[in-house]
Amino acid sequence: MFLWHILLALSWAAITGLFTWSNVLAGFILAYLVLFIVQRAVGASSYFRRIDRVLRFVLFYVWEIILANLRVAYDVMTPRHRMRPGVVAIPLDAKTDAEITMLANLITLTPGSISLDVSSDRRFLYLHAMYVDDVEEFRQSIKDTIERRVLEVLR
């Protein structure tokens, strides 16, 4: 389905004669609608559920980055620092290299946290975070937000 999606979008750009970002994006949207309609006649596909999960994840992650940036900026701009830095071991439900790598990289890209290491048995991810008020609450927030959503997208 993904290949059909790309081919239809590029066909749209070729037919219109405009290979601009906005026109290719319009082609992707139109191709999505065409494939969605056609899949009802041909048979259901998990492709559309996966795209929905990916789009929801992107929106969630952009929102998390905005909130983290605001928190760090507020802490830098105010005279009283609210940082409580710490290193925390997060037990992993992620098993494959791709899942662990994506999780670690997304955590590192979020301001105020950085992935340090993965345990040799790949059961724990070690993080340094600027705001660790309660270790258990921090662990649970990582597991319930980023890790759960990464696994939804990749599995």
C-alpha atoms as a PDB file:
ATOM      1  CA  MET A   1       0.000   0.000   0.000  1.00  0.00           C
ATOM      2  CA  PHE A   2       2.827   2.401   0.812  1.00  0.00           C
ATOM      3  CA  LEU A   3       4.318   1.894  -2.648  1.00  0.00           C
ATOM      4  CA  TRP A   4       0.933   2.557  -4.251  1.00  0.00           C
ATOM      5  CA  HIS A   5       0.615   5.673  -2.123  1.00  0.00           C
ATOM      6  CA  ILE A   6       3.955   7.019  -3.336  1.00  0.00           C
ATOM      7  CA  LEU A   7       3.280   6.097  -6.967  1.00  0.00           C
ATOM      8  CA  LEU A   8      -0.124   7.788  -6.955  1.00  0.00           C
ATOM      9  CA  ALA A   9       1.275  10.931  -5.334  1.00  0.00           C
ATOM     10  CA  LEU A  10       4.112  11.146  -7.850  1.00  0.00           C
ATOM     11  CA  SER A  11       1.645  10.465 -10.675  1.00  0.00           C
ATOM     12  CA  TRP A  12      -0.391  13.417  -9.465  1.00  0.00           C
ATOM     13  CA  ALA A  13       2.683  15.628  -9.533  1.00  0.00           C
ATOM     14  CA  ALA A  14       3.607  14.388 -13.011  1.00  0.00           C
ATOM     15  CA  ILE A  15       0.091  14.945 -14.392  1.00  0.00           C
ATOM     16  CA  THR A  16      -0.109  18.475 -12.988  1.00  0.00           C
ATOM     17  CA  GLY A  17       3.478  19.205 -14.046  1.00  0.00           C
ATOM     18  CA  LEU A  18       4.369  20.797 -10.699  1.00  0.00           C
ATOM     19  CA  PHE A  19       6.943  19.076  -8.511  1.00  0.00           C
ATOM     20  CA  THR A  20       6.660  21.510  -5.605  1.00  0.00           C
ATOM     21  CA  TRP A  21       6.366  20.410  -1.983  1.00  0.00           C
ATOM     22  CA  SER A  22       2.823  21.685  -1.713  1.00  0.00           C
ATOM     23  CA  ASN A  23       1.714  19.911  -4.896  1.00  0.00           C
ATOM     24  CA  VAL A  24       3.344  16.613  -3.885  1.00  0.00           C
ATOM     25  CA  LEU A  25       1.687  16.941  -0.447  1.00  0.00           C
ATOM     26  CA  ALA A  26      -1.638  17.508  -2.175  1.00  0.00           C
ATOM     27  CA  GLY A  27      -0.916  14.388  -4.234  1.00  0.00           C
ATOM     28  CA  PHE A  28      -0.243  12.402  -1.053  1.00  0.00           C
ATOM     29  CA  ILE A  29      -3.530  13.539   0.429  1.00  0.00           C
ATOM     30  CA  LEU A  30      -5.463  12.715  -2.732  1.00  0.00           C
ATOM     31  CA  ALA A  31      -3.673   9.355  -3.052  1.00  0.00           C
ATOM     32  CA  TYR A  32      -4.597   8.572   0.558  1.00  0.00           C
ATOM     33  CA  LEU A  33      -8.255   9.288  -0.158  1.00  0.00           C
ATOM     34  CA  VAL A  34      -8.206   7.197  -3.338  1.00  0.00           C
ATOM     35  CA  LEU A  35      -6.539   4.260  -1.589  1.00  0.00           C
ATOM     36  CA  PHE A  36      -8.938   4.550   1.340  1.00  0.00           C
ATOM     37  CA  ILE A  37     -11.929   4.335  -0.991  1.00  0.00           C
ATOM     38  CA  VAL A  38     -10.424   1.515  -3.056  1.00  0.00           C
ATOM     39  CA  GLN A  39      -9.457  -0.560  -0.011  1.00  0.00           C
ATOM     40  CA  ARG A  40     -13.119  -0.912   0.899  1.00  0.00           C
ATOM     41  CA  ALA A  41     -13.727  -2.695  -2.408  1.00  0.00           C
ATOM     42  CA  VAL A  42     -10.473  -4.698  -2.457  1.00  0.00           C
ATOM     43  CA  GLY A  43     -10.181  -5.588   1.217  1.00  0.00           C
ATOM     44  CA  ALA A  44      -9.171  -4.009   4.484  1.00  0.00           C
ATOM     45  CA  SER A  45      -5.551  -3.069   5.055  1.00  0.00           C
ATOM     46  CA  SER A  46      -3.662  -2.248   8.246  1.00  0.00           C
ATOM     47  CA  TYR A  47      -1.872   0.510   6.325  1.00  0.00           C
ATOM     48  CA  PHE A  48      -4.499   3.094   7.253  1.00  0.00           C
ATOM     49  CA  ARG A  49      -4.390   2.232  10.963  1.00  0.00           C
ATOM     50  CA  ARG A  50      -0.609   2.539  10.876  1.00  0.00           C
ATOM     51  CA  ILE A  51      -0.743   5.945   9.163  1.00  0.00           C
ATOM     52  CA  ASP A  52      -3.246   7.094  11.780  1.00  0.00           C
ATOM     53  CA  ARG A  53      -0.897   5.948  14.563  1.00  0.00           C
ATOM     54  CA  VAL A  54       2.093   7.660  12.962  1.00  0.00           C
ATOM     55  CA  LEU A  55       0.230  10.952  12.537  1.00  0.00           C
ATOM     56  CA  ARG A  56      -1.023  10.833  16.124  1.00  0.00           C
ATOM     57  CA  PHE A  57       2.508  10.083  17.313  1.00  0.00           C
ATOM     58  CA  VAL A  58       3.962  13.003  15.363  1.00  0.00           C
ATOM     59  CA  LEU A  59       1.391  15.387  16.855  1.00  0.00           C
ATOM     60  CA  PHE A  60       2.001  13.988  20.340  1.00  0.00           C
ATOM     61  CA  TYR A  61       5.778  14.277  20.016  1.00  0.00           C
ATOM     62  CA  VAL A  62       5.684  17.830  18.650  1.00  0.00           C
ATOM     63  CA  TRP A  63       3.488  18.781  21.611  1.00  0.00           C
ATOM     64  CA  GLU A  64       5.948  17.110  24.037  1.00  0.00           C
ATOM     65  CA  ILE A  65       8.857  19.037  22.508  1.00  0.00           C
ATOM     66  CA  ILE A  66       6.960  22.323  22.831  1.00  0.00           C
ATOM     67  CA  LEU A  67       6.147  21.631  26.492  1.00  0.00           C
ATOM     68  CA  ALA A  68       9.731  20.582  27.281  1.00  0.00           C
ATOM     69  CA  ASN A  69      11.123  23.689  25.580  1.00  0.00           C
ATOM     70  CA  LEU A  70       8.763  25.921  27.542  1.00  0.00           C
ATOM     71  CA  ARG A  71       9.709  24.242  30.811  1.00  0.00           C
ATOM     72  CA  VAL A  72      13.448  24.594  30.184  1.00  0.00           C
ATOM     73  CA  ALA A  73      13.065  28.186  28.939  1.00  0.00           C
ATOM     74  CA  TYR A  74      10.994  29.122  31.982  1.00  0.00           C
ATOM     75  CA  ASP A  75      13.589  27.614  34.288  1.00  0.00           C
ATOM     76  CA  VAL A  76      16.404  29.473  32.543  1.00  0.00           C
ATOM     77  CA  MET A  77      14.563  32.812  32.547  1.00  0.00           C
ATOM     78  CA  THR A  78      13.481  32.804  36.188  1.00  0.00           C
ATOM     79  CA  PRO A  79      15.906  33.510  39.027  1.00  0.00           C
ATOM     80  CA  ARG A  80      14.970  30.379  40.993  1.00  0.00           C
ATOM     81  CA  HIS A  81      15.959  27.117  39.330  1.00  0.00           C
ATOM     82  CA  ARG A  82      13.510  24.245  39.659  1.00  0.00           C
ATOM     83  CA  MET A  83      15.867  21.620  38.265  1.00  0.00           C
ATOM     84  CA  ARG A  84      16.243  18.348  40.104  1.00  0.00           C
ATOM     85  CA  PRO A  85      18.613  16.425  37.835  1.00  0.00           C
ATOM     86  CA  GLY A  86      19.020  12.695  38.105  1.00  0.00           C
ATOM     87  CA  VAL A  87      19.924   9.490  36.346  1.00  0.00           C
ATOM     88  CA  VAL A  88      17.061   7.020  36.124  1.00  0.00           C
ATOM     89  CA  ALA A  89      16.904   3.416  34.899  1.00  0.00           C
ATOM     90  CA  ILE A  90      13.770   2.845  32.834  1.00  0.00           C
ATOM     91  CA  PRO A  91      12.671  -0.811  32.457  1.00  0.00           C
ATOM     92  CA  LEU A  92      12.061  -1.486  28.780  1.00  0.00           C
ATOM     93  CA  ASP A  93       9.122  -3.164  27.111  1.00  0.00           C
ATOM     94  CA  ALA A  94      10.856  -2.422  23.803  1.00  0.00           C
ATOM     95  CA  LYS A  95      12.746  -5.500  22.625  1.00  0.00           C
ATOM     96  CA  THR A  96      14.117  -4.939  19.128  1.00  0.00           C
ATOM     97  CA  ASP A  97      17.053  -2.719  18.217  1.00  0.00           C
ATOM     98  CA  ALA A  98      14.769  -0.442  16.188  1.00  0.00           C
ATOM     99  CA  GLU A  99      12.353   0.060  19.102  1.00  0.00           C
ATOM    100  CA  ILE A 100      15.116   0.757  21.616  1.00  0.00           C
ATOM    101  CA  THR A 101      16.994   3.060  19.238  1.00  0.00           C
ATOM    102  CA  MET A 102      13.905   5.066  18.324  1.00  0.00           C
ATOM    103  CA  LEU A 103      12.904   5.418  21.968  1.00  0.00           C
ATOM    104  CA  ALA A 104      16.395   6.493  23.047  1.00  0.00           C
ATOM    105  CA  ASN A 105      16.733   8.997  20.212  1.00  0.00           C
ATOM    106  CA  LEU A 106      13.311  10.543  20.787  1.00  0.00           C
ATOM    107  CA  ILE A 107      14.062  10.967  24.480  1.00  0.00           C
ATOM    108  CA  THR A 108      17.400  12.582  23.639  1.00  0.00           C
ATOM    109  CA  LEU A 109      15.750  14.985  21.189  1.00  0.00           C
ATOM    110  CA  THR A 110      13.380  16.184  23.911  1.00  0.00           C
ATOM    111  CA  PRO A 111      14.929  19.130  25.781  1.00  0.00           C
ATOM    112  CA  GLY A 112      15.849  18.359  29.374  1.00  0.00           C
ATOM    113  CA  SER A 113      16.600  14.666  28.935  1.00  0.00           C
ATOM    114  CA  ILE A 114      19.262  12.516  27.356  1.00  0.00           C
ATOM    115  CA  SER A 115      19.671   8.785  26.892  1.00  0.00           C
ATOM    116  CA  LEU A 116      22.915   7.582  28.409  1.00  0.00           C
ATOM    117  CA  ASP A 117      23.098   3.828  27.892  1.00  0.00           C
ATOM    118  CA  VAL A 118      21.211   0.588  27.469  1.00  0.00           C
ATOM    119  CA  SER A 119      21.990  -2.240  29.868  1.00  0.00           C
ATOM    120  CA  SER A 120      23.888  -5.187  28.433  1.00  0.00           C
ATOM    121  CA  ASP A 121      20.802  -7.419  28.739  1.00  0.00           C
ATOM    122  CA  ARG A 122      18.703  -4.680  27.013  1.00  0.00           C
ATOM    123  CA  ARG A 123      16.192  -4.571  29.847  1.00  0.00           C
ATOM    124  CA  PHE A 124      16.945  -1.015  31.054  1.00  0.00           C
ATOM    125  CA  LEU A 125      17.504   2.355  29.427  1.00  0.00           C
ATOM    126  CA  TYR A 126      19.491   4.826  31.513  1.00  0.00           C
ATOM    127  CA  LEU A 127      18.430   8.460  31.210  1.00  0.00           C
ATOM    128  CA  HIS A 128      19.668  11.733  32.591  1.00  0.00           C
ATOM    129  CA  ALA A 129      16.836  14.191  33.121  1.00  0.00           C
ATOM    130  CA  MET A 130      16.798  17.743  34.409  1.00  0.00           C
ATOM    131  CA  TYR A 131      13.478  17.393  36.223  1.00  0.00           C
ATOM    132  CA  VAL A 132      13.185  14.269  38.349  1.00  0.00           C
ATOM    133  CA  ASP A 133      10.978  15.169  41.295  1.00  0.00           C
ATOM    134  CA  ASP A 134       9.763  11.629  41.914  1.00  0.00           C
ATOM    135  CA  VAL A 135      11.733   8.760  40.351  1.00  0.00           C
ATOM    136  CA  GLU A 136       8.784   6.347  40.105  1.00  0.00           C
ATOM    137  CA  GLU A 137       6.517   9.003  38.636  1.00  0.00           C
ATOM    138  CA  PHE A 138       9.213   9.908  36.087  1.00  0.00           C
ATOM    139  CA  ARG A 139       9.662   6.243  35.108  1.00  0.00           C
ATOM    140  CA  GLN A 140       5.943   5.766  34.710  1.00  0.00           C
ATOM    141  CA  SER A 141       5.569   8.935  32.637  1.00  0.00           C
ATOM    142  CA  ILE A 142       8.245   7.729  30.181  1.00  0.00           C
ATOM    143  CA  LYS A 143       6.629   4.278  29.931  1.00  0.00           C
ATOM    144  CA  ASP A 144       3.064   5.592  29.601  1.00  0.00           C
ATOM    145  CA  THR A 145       3.829   8.290  27.057  1.00  0.00           C
ATOM    146  CA  ILE A 146       6.809   7.901  24.765  1.00  0.00           C
ATOM    147  CA  GLU A 147       7.539   4.173  25.049  1.00  0.00           C
ATOM    148  CA  ARG A 148       3.911   3.103  24.682  1.00  0.00           C
ATOM    149  CA  ARG A 149       3.434   5.271  21.609  1.00  0.00           C
ATOM    150  CA  VAL A 150       6.714   4.182  20.011  1.00  0.00           C
ATOM    151  CA  LEU A 151       5.666   0.565  20.397  1.00  0.00           C
ATOM    152  CA  GLU A 152       2.243   1.310  18.904  1.00  0.00           C
ATOM    153  CA  VAL A 153       3.899   2.800  15.820  1.00  0.00           C
ATOM    154  CA  LEU A 154       6.537   0.114  15.339  1.00  0.00           C
ATOM    155  CA  ARG A 155       4.531  -3.013  16.152  1.00  0.00           C
END
